[in-house]
Amino acid sequence: MEKREITVNLPPDLDPVYSNRIQVAYKDDEFTFVFLHEIPGTNQARAKSVVSISPKHAKNFSQVLSKTIVDYEAKFGEISAHADSKDEAQNNVTIHGYS
């Protein structure tokens, strides 16, 4: 397969977005990612960005993310996927307000 190069133009007023939680929804023709910032010490989160992509692009994103994690761990060490009891309780969350 031939590789292509593309030029990406980032607008100067485009601000980075920090997200510490994500909600994923899907239907037959798209995946939708809602990037959230959970406010510490509260039961609230603010949506920071909503991104929808095709199933084909979602599959490609998954593969690229997996490879990037492998590269990251080779450079910085393994990312612990094991949650302690505190983390486990924080990750078991029902998100209301968008579906």
PDB file of N, CA and C in Angstrom:
ATOM      1  N   MET A   1       0.828  -1.169   0.000  1.00  0.00           N
ATOM      2  CA  MET A   1       0.000   0.000   0.000  1.00  0.00           C
ATOM      3  C   MET A   1       0.886   1.251   0.000  1.00  0.00           C
ATOM      4  N   GLU A   2       0.580   2.181  -0.858  1.00  0.00           N
ATOM      5  CA  GLU A   2       1.348   3.411  -0.976  1.00  0.00           C
ATOM      6  C   GLU A   2       1.045   4.357   0.180  1.00  0.00           C
ATOM      7  N   LYS A   3       2.093   4.955   0.745  1.00  0.00           N
ATOM      8  CA  LYS A   3       1.895   5.919   1.825  1.00  0.00           C
ATOM      9  C   LYS A   3       1.748   7.304   1.236  1.00  0.00           C
ATOM     10  N   ARG A   4       0.844   8.090   1.836  1.00  0.00           N
ATOM     11  CA  ARG A   4       0.632   9.469   1.424  1.00  0.00           C
ATOM     12  C   ARG A   4       1.089  10.390   2.533  1.00  0.00           C
ATOM     13  N   GLU A   5       1.477  11.572   2.158  1.00  0.00           N
ATOM     14  CA  GLU A   5       1.761  12.607   3.133  1.00  0.00           C
ATOM     15  C   GLU A   5       0.722  13.699   2.968  1.00  0.00           C
ATOM     16  N   ILE A   6       0.233  14.208   4.102  1.00  0.00           N
ATOM     17  CA  ILE A   6      -0.689  15.331   4.057  1.00  0.00           C
ATOM     18  C   ILE A   6      -0.171  16.419   4.984  1.00  0.00           C
ATOM     19  N   THR A   7      -0.500  17.619   4.651  1.00  0.00           N
ATOM     20  CA  THR A   7      -0.134  18.752   5.489  1.00  0.00           C
ATOM     21  C   THR A   7      -1.316  19.069   6.386  1.00  0.00           C
ATOM     22  N   VAL A   8      -1.069  19.178   7.672  1.00  0.00           N
ATOM     23  CA  VAL A   8      -2.117  19.500   8.638  1.00  0.00           C
ATOM     24  C   VAL A   8      -1.916  20.938   9.078  1.00  0.00           C
ATOM     25  N   ASN A   9      -2.953  21.730   8.921  1.00  0.00           N
ATOM     26  CA  ASN A   9      -2.911  23.122   9.348  1.00  0.00           C
ATOM     27  C   ASN A   9      -3.708  23.274  10.630  1.00  0.00           C
ATOM     28  N   LEU A  10      -3.032  23.657  11.696  1.00  0.00           N
ATOM     29  CA  LEU A  10      -3.698  23.904  12.969  1.00  0.00           C
ATOM     30  C   LEU A  10      -3.937  25.398  13.103  1.00  0.00           C
ATOM     31  N   PRO A  11      -5.197  25.799  13.239  1.00  0.00           N
ATOM     32  CA  PRO A  11      -5.468  27.228  13.424  1.00  0.00           C
ATOM     33  C   PRO A  11      -4.760  27.739  14.679  1.00  0.00           C
ATOM     34  N   PRO A  12      -4.223  28.947  14.627  1.00  0.00           N
ATOM     35  CA  PRO A  12      -3.482  29.475  15.783  1.00  0.00           C
ATOM     36  C   PRO A  12      -4.360  29.662  17.024  1.00  0.00           C
ATOM     37  N   ASP A  13      -5.672  29.759  16.835  1.00  0.00           N
ATOM     38  CA  ASP A  13      -6.562  29.955  17.986  1.00  0.00           C
ATOM     39  C   ASP A  13      -7.159  28.645  18.500  1.00  0.00           C
ATOM     40  N   LEU A  14      -6.657  27.509  17.998  1.00  0.00           N
ATOM     41  CA  LEU A  14      -7.139  26.205  18.451  1.00  0.00           C
ATOM     42  C   LEU A  14      -6.487  25.857  19.783  1.00  0.00           C
ATOM     43  N   ASP A  15      -7.297  25.777  20.836  1.00  0.00           N
ATOM     44  CA  ASP A  15      -6.774  25.486  22.167  1.00  0.00           C
ATOM     45  C   ASP A  15      -6.743  23.984  22.423  1.00  0.00           C
ATOM     46  N   PRO A  16      -5.699  23.489  23.104  1.00  0.00           N
ATOM     47  CA  PRO A  16      -5.684  22.080  23.501  1.00  0.00           C
ATOM     48  C   PRO A  16      -6.830  21.807  24.473  1.00  0.00           C
ATOM     49  N   VAL A  17      -7.286  20.580  24.490  1.00  0.00           N
ATOM     50  CA  VAL A  17      -8.376  20.172  25.373  1.00  0.00           C
ATOM     51  C   VAL A  17      -7.871  19.048  26.265  1.00  0.00           C
ATOM     52  N   TYR A  18      -8.072  19.179  27.574  1.00  0.00           N
ATOM     53  CA  TYR A  18      -7.728  18.115  28.515  1.00  0.00           C
ATOM     54  C   TYR A  18      -8.990  17.344  28.847  1.00  0.00           C
ATOM     55  N   SER A  19      -8.882  16.023  28.798  1.00  0.00           N
ATOM     56  CA  SER A  19     -10.011  15.164  29.124  1.00  0.00           C
ATOM     57  C   SER A  19      -9.518  14.050  30.037  1.00  0.00           C
ATOM     58  N   ASN A  20     -10.264  13.794  31.121  1.00  0.00           N
ATOM     59  CA  ASN A  20      -9.893  12.693  32.007  1.00  0.00           C
ATOM     60  C   ASN A  20     -10.979  11.621  32.061  1.00  0.00           C
ATOM     61  N   ARG A  21     -11.934  11.719  31.146  1.00  0.00           N
ATOM     62  CA  ARG A  21     -13.006  10.720  31.040  1.00  0.00           C
ATOM     63  C   ARG A  21     -13.553  10.797  29.622  1.00  0.00           C
ATOM     64  N   ILE A  22     -14.040   9.667  29.131  1.00  0.00           N
ATOM     65  CA  ILE A  22     -14.595   9.635  27.776  1.00  0.00           C
ATOM     66  C   ILE A  22     -15.841   8.764  27.757  1.00  0.00           C
ATOM     67  N   GLN A  23     -16.801   9.173  26.962  1.00  0.00           N
ATOM     68  CA  GLN A  23     -18.002   8.366  26.729  1.00  0.00           C
ATOM     69  C   GLN A  23     -18.004   8.033  25.246  1.00  0.00           C
ATOM     70  N   VAL A  24     -18.291   6.780  24.916  1.00  0.00           N
ATOM     71  CA  VAL A  24     -18.332   6.347  23.527  1.00  0.00           C
ATOM     72  C   VAL A  24     -19.715   5.805  23.223  1.00  0.00           C
ATOM     73  N   ALA A  25     -20.290   6.287  22.140  1.00  0.00           N
ATOM     74  CA  ALA A  25     -21.580   5.790  21.666  1.00  0.00           C
ATOM     75  C   ALA A  25     -21.403   5.413  20.197  1.00  0.00           C
ATOM     76  N   TYR A  26     -22.272   4.560  19.701  1.00  0.00           N
ATOM     77  CA  TYR A  26     -22.172   4.182  18.294  1.00  0.00           C
ATOM     78  C   TYR A  26     -23.544   3.844  17.736  1.00  0.00           C
ATOM     79  N   LYS A  27     -23.628   3.938  16.432  1.00  0.00           N
ATOM     80  CA  LYS A  27     -24.774   3.457  15.677  1.00  0.00           C
ATOM     81  C   LYS A  27     -24.222   2.864  14.396  1.00  0.00           C
ATOM     82  N   ASP A  28     -25.074   2.459  13.489  1.00  0.00           N
ATOM     83  CA  ASP A  28     -24.592   1.703  12.338  1.00  0.00           C
ATOM     84  C   ASP A  28     -23.579   2.443  11.470  1.00  0.00           C
ATOM     85  N   ASP A  29     -23.610   3.771  11.435  1.00  0.00           N
ATOM     86  CA  ASP A  29     -22.735   4.498  10.521  1.00  0.00           C
ATOM     87  C   ASP A  29     -21.747   5.447  11.198  1.00  0.00           C
ATOM     88  N   GLU A  30     -21.664   5.433  12.541  1.00  0.00           N
ATOM     89  CA  GLU A  30     -20.694   6.310  13.187  1.00  0.00           C
ATOM     90  C   GLU A  30     -20.431   5.916  14.632  1.00  0.00           C
ATOM     91  N   PHE A  31     -19.256   6.310  15.087  1.00  0.00           N
ATOM     92  CA  PHE A  31     -18.883   6.247  16.489  1.00  0.00           C
ATOM     93  C   PHE A  31     -18.789   7.689  16.965  1.00  0.00           C
ATOM     94  N   THR A  32     -19.285   7.959  18.161  1.00  0.00           N
ATOM     95  CA  THR A  32     -19.217   9.301  18.723  1.00  0.00           C
ATOM     96  C   THR A  32     -18.483   9.236  20.052  1.00  0.00           C
ATOM     97  N   PHE A  33     -17.473  10.080  20.171  1.00  0.00           N
ATOM     98  CA  PHE A  33     -16.653  10.176  21.378  1.00  0.00           C
ATOM     99  C   PHE A  33     -16.962  11.507  22.050  1.00  0.00           C
ATOM    100  N   VAL A  34     -17.356  11.445  23.309  1.00  0.00           N
ATOM    101  CA  VAL A  34     -17.571  12.662  24.088  1.00  0.00           C
ATOM    102  C   VAL A  34     -16.429  12.728  25.095  1.00  0.00           C
ATOM    103  N   PHE A  35     -15.556  13.707  24.905  1.00  0.00           N
ATOM    104  CA  PHE A  35     -14.429  13.899  25.804  1.00  0.00           C
ATOM    105  C   PHE A  35     -14.874  14.817  26.927  1.00  0.00           C
ATOM    106  N   LEU A  36     -14.673  14.348  28.163  1.00  0.00           N
ATOM    107  CA  LEU A  36     -15.175  15.049  29.335  1.00  0.00           C
ATOM    108  C   LEU A  36     -14.034  15.408  30.276  1.00  0.00           C
ATOM    109  N   HIS A  37     -14.255  16.455  31.046  1.00  0.00           N
ATOM    110  CA  HIS A  37     -13.356  16.766  32.151  1.00  0.00           C
ATOM    111  C   HIS A  37     -14.165  16.625  33.429  1.00  0.00           C
ATOM    112  N   GLU A  38     -13.861  15.564  34.178  1.00  0.00           N
ATOM    113  CA  GLU A  38     -14.548  15.348  35.449  1.00  0.00           C
ATOM    114  C   GLU A  38     -13.949  16.290  36.478  1.00  0.00           C
ATOM    115  N   ILE A  39     -14.801  17.018  37.146  1.00  0.00           N
ATOM    116  CA  ILE A  39     -14.361  17.994  38.128  1.00  0.00           C
ATOM    117  C   ILE A  39     -14.081  17.265  39.439  1.00  0.00           C
ATOM    118  N   PRO A  40     -12.826  17.284  39.910  1.00  0.00           N
ATOM    119  CA  PRO A  40     -12.463  16.540  41.121  1.00  0.00           C
ATOM    120  C   PRO A  40     -13.326  16.939  42.322  1.00  0.00           C
ATOM    121  N   GLY A  41     -13.685  15.935  43.107  1.00  0.00           N
ATOM    122  CA  GLY A  41     -14.431  16.164  44.330  1.00  0.00           C
ATOM    123  C   GLY A  41     -15.912  16.448  44.120  1.00  0.00           C
ATOM    124  N   THR A  42     -16.385  16.282  42.898  1.00  0.00           N
ATOM    125  CA  THR A  42     -17.808  16.504  42.613  1.00  0.00           C
ATOM    126  C   THR A  42     -18.342  15.312  41.829  1.00  0.00           C
ATOM    127  N   ASN A  43     -19.620  15.324  41.573  1.00  0.00           N
ATOM    128  CA  ASN A  43     -20.198  14.302  40.703  1.00  0.00           C
ATOM    129  C   ASN A  43     -20.578  14.938  39.368  1.00  0.00           C
ATOM    130  N   GLN A  44     -19.746  15.876  38.915  1.00  0.00           N
ATOM    131  CA  GLN A  44     -20.018  16.597  37.682  1.00  0.00           C
ATOM    132  C   GLN A  44     -18.850  16.483  36.716  1.00  0.00           C
ATOM    133  N   ALA A  45     -19.195  16.519  35.440  1.00  0.00           N
ATOM    134  CA  ALA A  45     -18.190  16.556  34.383  1.00  0.00           C
ATOM    135  C   ALA A  45     -18.659  17.539  33.327  1.00  0.00           C
ATOM    136  N   ARG A  46     -17.710  18.184  32.685  1.00  0.00           N
ATOM    137  CA  ARG A  46     -18.022  19.130  31.621  1.00  0.00           C
ATOM    138  C   ARG A  46     -17.559  18.541  30.301  1.00  0.00           C
ATOM    139  N   ALA A  47     -18.467  18.502  29.320  1.00  0.00           N
ATOM    140  CA  ALA A  47     -18.093  18.043  27.985  1.00  0.00           C
ATOM    141  C   ALA A  47     -17.140  19.061  27.381  1.00  0.00           C
ATOM    142  N   LYS A  48     -16.020  18.585  26.869  1.00  0.00           N
ATOM    143  CA  LYS A  48     -15.019  19.469  26.280  1.00  0.00           C
ATOM    144  C   LYS A  48     -15.004  19.382  24.762  1.00  0.00           C
ATOM    145  N   SER A  49     -15.391  18.210  24.231  1.00  0.00           N
ATOM    146  CA  SER A  49     -15.382  18.032  22.788  1.00  0.00           C
ATOM    147  C   SER A  49     -16.226  16.812  22.427  1.00  0.00           C
ATOM    148  N   VAL A  50     -16.895  16.875  21.298  1.00  0.00           N
ATOM    149  CA  VAL A  50     -17.643  15.747  20.764  1.00  0.00           C
ATOM    150  C   VAL A  50     -17.102  15.487  19.362  1.00  0.00           C
ATOM    151  N   VAL A  51     -16.664  14.244  19.126  1.00  0.00           N
ATOM    152  CA  VAL A  51     -16.083  13.884  17.833  1.00  0.00           C
ATOM    153  C   VAL A  51     -16.791  12.641  17.311  1.00  0.00           C
ATOM    154  N   SER A  52     -17.283  12.720  16.083  1.00  0.00           N
ATOM    155  CA  SER A  52     -17.917  11.557  15.443  1.00  0.00           C
ATOM    156  C   SER A  52     -17.076  11.136  14.249  1.00  0.00           C
ATOM    157  N   ILE A  53     -16.893   9.820  14.115  1.00  0.00           N
ATOM    158  CA  ILE A  53     -16.124   9.274  12.998  1.00  0.00           C
ATOM    159  C   ILE A  53     -16.811   8.025  12.465  1.00  0.00           C
ATOM    160  N   SER A  54     -16.445   7.632  11.259  1.00  0.00           N
ATOM    161  CA  SER A  54     -17.030   6.446  10.643  1.00  0.00           C
ATOM    162  C   SER A  54     -16.503   5.182  11.331  1.00  0.00           C
ATOM    163  N   PRO A  55     -17.219   4.062  11.202  1.00  0.00           N
ATOM    164  CA  PRO A  55     -16.713   2.805  11.780  1.00  0.00           C
ATOM    165  C   PRO A  55     -15.327   2.434  11.244  1.00  0.00           C
ATOM    166  N   LYS A  56     -15.094   2.671   9.974  1.00  0.00           N
ATOM    167  CA  LYS A  56     -13.783   2.369   9.388  1.00  0.00           C
ATOM    168  C   LYS A  56     -12.689   3.208  10.057  1.00  0.00           C
ATOM    169  N   HIS A  57     -12.958   4.492  10.254  1.00  0.00           N
ATOM    170  CA  HIS A  57     -11.977   5.347  10.922  1.00  0.00           C
ATOM    171  C   HIS A  57     -11.831   4.973  12.398  1.00  0.00           C
ATOM    172  N   ALA A  58     -12.898   4.526  13.036  1.00  0.00           N
ATOM    173  CA  ALA A  58     -12.816   4.082  14.435  1.00  0.00           C
ATOM    174  C   ALA A  58     -11.898   2.869  14.551  1.00  0.00           C
ATOM    175  N   LYS A  59     -12.017   1.941  13.625  1.00  0.00           N
ATOM    176  CA  LYS A  59     -11.162   0.747  13.632  1.00  0.00           C
ATOM    177  C   LYS A  59      -9.701   1.160  13.427  1.00  0.00           C
ATOM    178  N   ASN A  60      -9.459   2.066  12.476  1.00  0.00           N
ATOM    179  CA  ASN A  60      -8.108   2.556  12.230  1.00  0.00           C
ATOM    180  C   ASN A  60      -7.566   3.282  13.457  1.00  0.00           C
ATOM    181  N   PHE A  61      -8.398   4.104  14.097  1.00  0.00           N
ATOM    182  CA  PHE A  61      -7.999   4.814  15.318  1.00  0.00           C
ATOM    183  C   PHE A  61      -7.578   3.819  16.399  1.00  0.00           C
ATOM    184  N   SER A  62      -8.345   2.752  16.548  1.00  0.00           N
ATOM    185  CA  SER A  62      -8.029   1.726  17.544  1.00  0.00           C
ATOM    186  C   SER A  62      -6.656   1.107  17.273  1.00  0.00           C
ATOM    187  N   GLN A  63      -6.370   0.815  16.017  1.00  0.00           N
ATOM    188  CA  GLN A  63      -5.086   0.209  15.659  1.00  0.00           C
ATOM    189  C   GLN A  63      -3.933   1.189  15.880  1.00  0.00           C
ATOM    190  N   VAL A  64      -4.133   2.447  15.491  1.00  0.00           N
ATOM    191  CA  VAL A  64      -3.092   3.462  15.677  1.00  0.00           C
ATOM    192  C   VAL A  64      -2.844   3.695  17.165  1.00  0.00           C
ATOM    193  N   LEU A  65      -3.919   3.764  17.956  1.00  0.00           N
ATOM    194  CA  LEU A  65      -3.774   3.972  19.397  1.00  0.00           C
ATOM    195  C   LEU A  65      -3.029   2.799  20.038  1.00  0.00           C
ATOM    196  N   SER A  66      -3.360   1.570  19.644  1.00  0.00           N
ATOM    197  CA  SER A  66      -2.672   0.391  20.189  1.00  0.00           C
ATOM    198  C   SER A  66      -1.179   0.436  19.884  1.00  0.00           C
ATOM    199  N   LYS A  67      -0.823   0.777  18.648  1.00  0.00           N
ATOM    200  CA  LYS A  67       0.591   0.862  18.282  1.00  0.00           C
ATOM    201  C   LYS A  67       1.280   1.985  19.061  1.00  0.00           C
ATOM    202  N   THR A  68       0.612   3.100  19.217  1.00  0.00           N
ATOM    203  CA  THR A  68       1.189   4.228  19.941  1.00  0.00           C
ATOM    204  C   THR A  68       1.434   3.878  21.405  1.00  0.00           C
ATOM    205  N   ILE A  69       0.530   3.118  22.009  1.00  0.00           N
ATOM    206  CA  ILE A  69       0.715   2.681  23.397  1.00  0.00           C
ATOM    207  C   ILE A  69       1.914   1.754  23.508  1.00  0.00           C
ATOM    208  N   VAL A  70       2.071   0.843  22.558  1.00  0.00           N
ATOM    209  CA  VAL A  70       3.241  -0.048  22.554  1.00  0.00           C
ATOM    210  C   VAL A  70       4.518   0.784  22.469  1.00  0.00           C
ATOM    211  N   ASP A  71       4.551   1.763  21.576  1.00  0.00           N
ATOM    212  CA  ASP A  71       5.728   2.629  21.430  1.00  0.00           C
ATOM    213  C   ASP A  71       5.994   3.412  22.721  1.00  0.00           C
ATOM    214  N   TYR A  72       4.938   3.953  23.326  1.00  0.00           N
ATOM    215  CA  TYR A  72       5.051   4.717  24.576  1.00  0.00           C
ATOM    216  C   TYR A  72       5.654   3.836  25.674  1.00  0.00           C
ATOM    217  N   GLU A  73       5.117   2.614  25.822  1.00  0.00           N
ATOM    218  CA  GLU A  73       5.596   1.724  26.882  1.00  0.00           C
ATOM    219  C   GLU A  73       7.035   1.297  26.643  1.00  0.00           C
ATOM    220  N   ALA A  74       7.441   1.171  25.387  1.00  0.00           N
ATOM    221  CA  ALA A  74       8.834   0.839  25.092  1.00  0.00           C
ATOM    222  C   ALA A  74       9.762   1.972  25.544  1.00  0.00           C
ATOM    223  N   LYS A  75       9.268   3.189  25.474  1.00  0.00           N
ATOM    224  CA  LYS A  75      10.088   4.347  25.840  1.00  0.00           C
ATOM    225  C   LYS A  75      10.015   4.677  27.331  1.00  0.00           C
ATOM    226  N   PHE A  76       8.816   4.587  27.929  1.00  0.00           N
ATOM    227  CA  PHE A  76       8.614   5.059  29.297  1.00  0.00           C
ATOM    228  C   PHE A  76       8.275   3.966  30.313  1.00  0.00           C
ATOM    229  N   GLY A  77       8.044   2.761  29.868  1.00  0.00           N
ATOM    230  CA  GLY A  77       7.658   1.679  30.771  1.00  0.00           C
ATOM    231  C   GLY A  77       6.168   1.389  30.677  1.00  0.00           C
ATOM    232  N   GLU A  78       5.820   0.237  31.221  1.00  0.00           N
ATOM    233  CA  GLU A  78       4.440  -0.242  31.110  1.00  0.00           C
ATOM    234  C   GLU A  78       3.455   0.667  31.847  1.00  0.00           C
ATOM    235  N   ILE A  79       2.332   0.889  31.206  1.00  0.00           N
ATOM    236  CA  ILE A  79       1.228   1.622  31.826  1.00  0.00           C
ATOM    237  C   ILE A  79       0.430   0.601  32.628  1.00  0.00           C
ATOM    238  N   SER A  80       0.260   0.846  33.904  1.00  0.00           N
ATOM    239  CA  SER A  80      -0.486  -0.083  34.740  1.00  0.00           C
ATOM    240  C   SER A  80      -1.973   0.000  34.404  1.00  0.00           C
ATOM    241  N   ALA A  81      -2.532  -1.123  34.010  1.00  0.00           N
ATOM    242  CA  ALA A  81      -3.966  -1.171  33.695  1.00  0.00           C
ATOM    243  C   ALA A  81      -4.766  -1.674  34.886  1.00  0.00           C
ATOM    244  N   HIS A  82      -4.060  -2.054  35.951  1.00  0.00           N
ATOM    245  CA  HIS A  82      -4.742  -2.584  37.126  1.00  0.00           C
ATOM    246  C   HIS A  82      -5.189  -1.438  38.018  1.00  0.00           C
ATOM    247  N   ALA A  83      -6.463  -1.410  38.285  1.00  0.00           N
ATOM    248  CA  ALA A  83      -7.005  -0.354  39.153  1.00  0.00           C
ATOM    249  C   ALA A  83      -7.000  -0.836  40.592  1.00  0.00           C
ATOM    250  N   ASP A  84      -6.615   0.060  41.493  1.00  0.00           N
ATOM    251  CA  ASP A  84      -6.794  -0.281  42.896  1.00  0.00           C
ATOM    252  C   ASP A  84      -8.257  -0.042  43.244  1.00  0.00           C
ATOM    253  N   SER A  85      -8.665  -0.351  44.434  1.00  0.00           N
ATOM    254  CA  SER A  85     -10.088  -0.274  44.779  1.00  0.00           C
ATOM    255  C   SER A  85     -10.624   1.150  44.632  1.00  0.00           C
ATOM    256  N   LYS A  86      -9.795   2.153  44.940  1.00  0.00           N
ATOM    257  CA  LYS A  86     -10.228   3.551  44.792  1.00  0.00           C
ATOM    258  C   LYS A  86     -10.446   3.887  43.320  1.00  0.00           C
ATOM    259  N   ASP A  87      -9.477   3.520  42.463  1.00  0.00           N
ATOM    260  CA  ASP A  87      -9.607   3.783  41.028  1.00  0.00           C
ATOM    261  C   ASP A  87     -10.782   3.030  40.437  1.00  0.00           C
ATOM    262  N   GLU A  88     -10.978   1.792  40.871  1.00  0.00           N
ATOM    263  CA  GLU A  88     -12.083   0.988  40.352  1.00  0.00           C
ATOM    264  C   GLU A  88     -13.419   1.645  40.651  1.00  0.00           C
ATOM    265  N   ALA A  89     -13.580   2.170  41.857  1.00  0.00           N
ATOM    266  CA  ALA A  89     -14.825   2.848  42.215  1.00  0.00           C
ATOM    267  C   ALA A  89     -15.011   4.099  41.371  1.00  0.00           C
ATOM    268  N   GLN A  90     -13.928   4.822  41.075  1.00  0.00           N
ATOM    269  CA  GLN A  90     -14.019   6.033  40.270  1.00  0.00           C
ATOM    270  C   GLN A  90     -14.341   5.720  38.817  1.00  0.00           C
ATOM    271  N   ASN A  91     -13.928   4.551  38.319  1.00  0.00           N
ATOM    272  CA  ASN A  91     -14.157   4.204  36.923  1.00  0.00           C
ATOM    273  C   ASN A  91     -15.535   3.602  36.683  1.00  0.00           C
ATOM    274  N   ASN A  92     -16.227   3.179  37.730  1.00  0.00           N
ATOM    275  CA  ASN A  92     -17.551   2.591  37.605  1.00  0.00           C
ATOM    276  C   ASN A  92     -18.576   3.723  37.715  1.00  0.00           C
ATOM    277  N   VAL A  93     -18.774   4.435  36.601  1.00  0.00           N
ATOM    278  CA  VAL A  93     -19.574   5.655  36.603  1.00  0.00           C
ATOM    279  C   VAL A  93     -20.650   5.564  35.540  1.00  0.00           C
ATOM    280  N   THR A  94     -21.836   6.022  35.858  1.00  0.00           N
ATOM    281  CA  THR A  94     -22.896   6.194  34.871  1.00  0.00           C
ATOM    282  C   THR A  94     -22.934   7.655  34.506  1.00  0.00           C
ATOM    283  N   ILE A  95     -22.873   7.934  33.200  1.00  0.00           N
ATOM    284  CA  ILE A  95     -22.856   9.318  32.736  1.00  0.00           C
ATOM    285  C   ILE A  95     -24.248   9.674  32.233  1.00  0.00           C
ATOM    286  N   HIS A  96     -24.792  10.770  32.725  1.00  0.00           N
ATOM    287  CA  HIS A  96     -26.104  11.252  32.321  1.00  0.00           C
ATOM    288  C   HIS A  96     -25.959  12.516  31.493  1.00  0.00           C
ATOM    289  N   GLY A  97     -26.874  12.732  30.581  1.00  0.00           N
ATOM    290  CA  GLY A  97     -26.904  14.011  29.863  1.00  0.00           C
ATOM    291  C   GLY A  97     -26.562  13.929  28.411  1.00  0.00           C
ATOM    292  N   TYR A  98     -25.993  12.830  27.949  1.00  0.00           N
ATOM    293  CA  TYR A  98     -25.691  12.691  26.520  1.00  0.00           C
ATOM    294  C   TYR A  98     -25.707  11.212  26.191  1.00  0.00           C
ATOM    295  N   SER A  99     -26.340  10.869  25.112  1.00  0.00           N
ATOM    296  CA  SER A  99     -26.299   9.475  24.643  1.00  0.00           C
ATOM    297  C   SER A  99     -26.540   9.426  23.155  1.00  0.00           C
TER     298      SER A  99
END
